[in-house]
Each structure stands twice: as C-alpha cells, then as structure tokens.
Amino acid sequence: MKTKAFIRRVGFGLKPDELVPSNPLDWAKDQMTVVPKLIWPGKLYTEAEMLDIRVDFGLAEEKIQKSEKDPSKAKVKKRKLYRRTGRKFFERYELAIRHHQAVHGNQPVFERFWHFWGNHFAIVDKNKLPDFNTGPMQREQLRPLMTGRFADMVYDMTLTWPMMKSLDNFKSRGPNSDYNINRRKKNKPEKGLNENHGRELLELHTVSPDAGYTQEDVINTAYIMTGWGMVGWKKGQGEAKKIGYKGSLHEPGTHIVLGKQYKSSGFDKKTKGKKQLRKLIEDLCDSEDCRNFIALKLCRHFICDNPSKEMIKTVTDAWLKSKGMLIDIHKAVLEAAWKYGETEEKFLSPETWLIQIARMTGADWPGDPQIFEYDFKSKLNYKQKKIKWILAELGHLPYRAKQPNGFPDTEAEWLSQEYLVRRIALVNNPTQIGLYKNSIPEIDISKKMVNKNFDDPKELLDVLEKLEINNEVSNSLIAVLCSRKVLKV
C-alpha cells in the first residue's frame, strides 16, 4: 500500500510539521508495543474519584426529589447540583482528553486501536454512565490492557463497574443459590437470573453467533456469572462502588457451555464457583470462532467492510502463534492493511474523520486544555460544549452507544445524504474546529494538507487550482475534506 494512504488508513494522517516515515509499516507497528502516556496537561480524574462523584450526585438528586415538592424550586436545586457534580461537564472533558491525545499525540495508530476496543466493549447509554463512568473506564482500565493477552482484556473488561452496571449482572441471582433458598424459606419472592451479560459475553465480546451456541449455553453462561457484581454496599450510601464476588448469589453445580463442563471450585463456600468465569473466558478466547470473529472485526475496521479469508488468516495465524497476545495481533492487522489495503477502500466513521481532518490541517482541536478548566459553579461555555455538540451532529458520540454492539463500522451505516450534509455543514464553518485561522488563508491550509497527506495529490490540487481561478477559495476546505479521497481511504 502507498505510504501516505496507509498512514491515513491506520492512523489519523500526518500533522503539518510531521515527517513522513521512511518505513510506514514499521512506524505503525512500533507504536503498538508500549502504551503511550496521556499528554493531557490537566487533571485526570480516576475511576474511583468519578464513582465518588456519581454516588454523591445520586444521593443528592434523590434527596431533592423526595424533599422538594415545588417543581420550580426543585429545578433550581437540580441545576446547582448538576454544576457542583459536573454532570454535564465530565463527558465533554473525557472527549477532550481522547481527542487531544489523537490529534496531538505521537502514537496515533495506538489511539485508533484504543478507539476500536472501546467500541468493541461498548457501554450502553443509560444510567448516567456516559456522564460519569465510561470515559474514565476506557482511559484507566482499557488502555493498559492493550499490550497484554486478549483473554485478560476480556476478563478484566467483563468485570469493570460500567459493564456490570450497563448489562445488569449485579442484579442476577442463581435460582438455587443460597440467597434464593433463604428467600424461599422466608416466603419472600425470589430474585431471578439476568442473561444480559452472559449473552453479550458470547455474542459480542468473544465467539459471536457463528459459534452455534444455544439458549441453554446463554443460560449456563449467566449461571457462571452469578455472584459477580457490586459488593460492599451499606444502607444509605447509594450505589456500591466495588466489583467483587458473592458465593451466596452464585448458581451452584457444574455448568456446560459449548460442550465444555465448568465445575464449581474455590476455597470455601463464599468463593465456590468464583473460578468458573475465568476458565470459561479462557476457553472462549482460545476458540477458533473467537479468533475468526475478532480478526474479522479488526480487518473490517482497518481494511474494508468485507475482509477476505486471506486478510483474516493473517491475523488469526499471529493469534495462534502468540497465544493471543494483543501486540502480535495488532501488528498482524497492520501487516494485513499494508498488504491488502492497496485494492480496498474504507469509509471513515464520523469521529475518525473529524480527528483526521483536525490532525492533517493542524487545527486547534479540541482547543487549549485550559478551556476545560471548570469551577463547578458556572454554566458551561460554548467552547467547553462544542466537542460534544459537534460529535452529536455527526451522529457519533463514542460514549453513548445505543446498543451493546457499539457503533457500526460499515459504509452503509454512515453513507447517507443526511450524514454527508452534516459533515459539509461542519467544514463550511471551519472556525468551529479551529481549521481556519485568519493569519492563514483556507486555500493555503488545503494545499499544504493535500501535499503532506496524499501520495498522488494532483487530482485534489487541480480542484483547488480551479477554485482559485474562479475566485471560490472559500470552498477549498469543503472541496478537499468532504471529497471521496478523504471520506474513503
């Protein structure tokens, strides 16, 4: 594949002052061996801090709802609460950190894979998770897992607080668990099994429906997952903030998934059954169905909508050889993109396109980090709000997936007249994303970006020349950034 096209395919293009690598494949592969430090100069709120803030918000909001009967006074109190707890601030702050890293960082290929895995382990837009938890989880837990084993990534992500909350596993109870046995003895209604998390572990995170699992397999997976959830809750403290295991909630016995038996094991009654989930995930991640499914998704993201068997095999061979090490898997994806990308095209998702044009044009995006310094008293200003507003206009808020399968990764889902018009409208007002500075004419930004980022720039340069001849240079950014050559790599 040609050098600059490859750089746009697997990264976000070249910055105006960035050197063109002499060996683009090695340049890309070298970025996958070490997790880059976040370059955001402001405060990085930990997951624990955000859970504290979330719980504080929940308790305070509940108190207002119970104590304030006057709707107008309740509205005023809630507005103050939203500002004090940053309910409308933190998602925008996390998006700014994410985009700052992608636009200004030195390992853009790693960031592209980070975005892929964040979407693979999508957290559904509910329960205020995007407001407080999804971004910090992806930043603090997911990133460090990207240089380890895939099975470890799946296990750890399965047990994250947002995933448990999103898929309701903390509500799940084994029918024959000690918990339900005791409830029956006391003539209390039982609490049932929740299949959500078990189903998504099979369908979305590991083997996919191609494995041929049955409803019984889903139920048995859910049985294995019983016991895992929020622990340490005390009356009056709101939500529990830790994930752990309670043997009293676990469905006892041996459970069969895809023909394999998972026996109860542990040291005592409290931990019996705890090891079943680890064993199940190891087996799922070691299966051919899982390798093929994840390799397909990776190739579909980086190469084309319908990857060939040869592309997929490049990745699965590396998976087998390395026993599921993600560094090797990622490098194999890059090798496949380099080898097969010349004859394929990939339509860029809205967020990837936005970041790519910001990086290629040298835009001041998402803006000076000082913009996002917040006093937790004031109304959010336009500059703080615009990152989320623009992504919402493009239809792609990465922390707000509507379904557990995340955002689509195929051209058919994004190539619509409405979405294209939205991209054009955005570029038509280039100051919104810092594409245009009064000191640099748009036509000059366009020419420099084309020369830097395209192996064969003549076609786009000819378009820009015609615009100059016709005194239509104000349309130069639209002509380039909304052209087929930029929308499809």
Foldseek 3Di string as FASTA:
>chain_A
DDQLVLCVLLFQGAFLPDDRDPDNLCLQLVLQQDQDDQPQPDDDDALLNLVLLLLVLVLQLVCLVVPPPDVVVSVVSNVLSCLQSVQVFPLLLLLQSLLCCRQPNSNRSLSSVLLLVLQLQAQAADPSCSRGPSSNCSVPPVRVCLQFFLLVNLVVSLQDQRNCVRQVLQQAFACPFLVNVVCVVVVHDGRHFRLRSLVCVCCRRFQHCVLVWDPLLSVLSSLLSFQWHADDDDPPSGGGDDTDGFLRRHHAAWGAHSRDIQHFDDDDSGCTSVCRNSVVSLVRRQDPSRLQVVLLSLLCQRAHVGDDPVLSVLLSVQCVVVVRRSSSSSSSNSVSCVVRRVPTKFFDQVVSLVSSLCNLLVFQPLHDSVLSDGPSRDDRDPSSPLVVVLCVLLVPSQNHANDSSGDDRHPVRRPDPSNLVSVLVCVLPVVSGRSDDPVDQQLRSLVSSLVRNDPDSVVLVVVSVVCVVVVNNSCSSVSPSSDPVSRMD
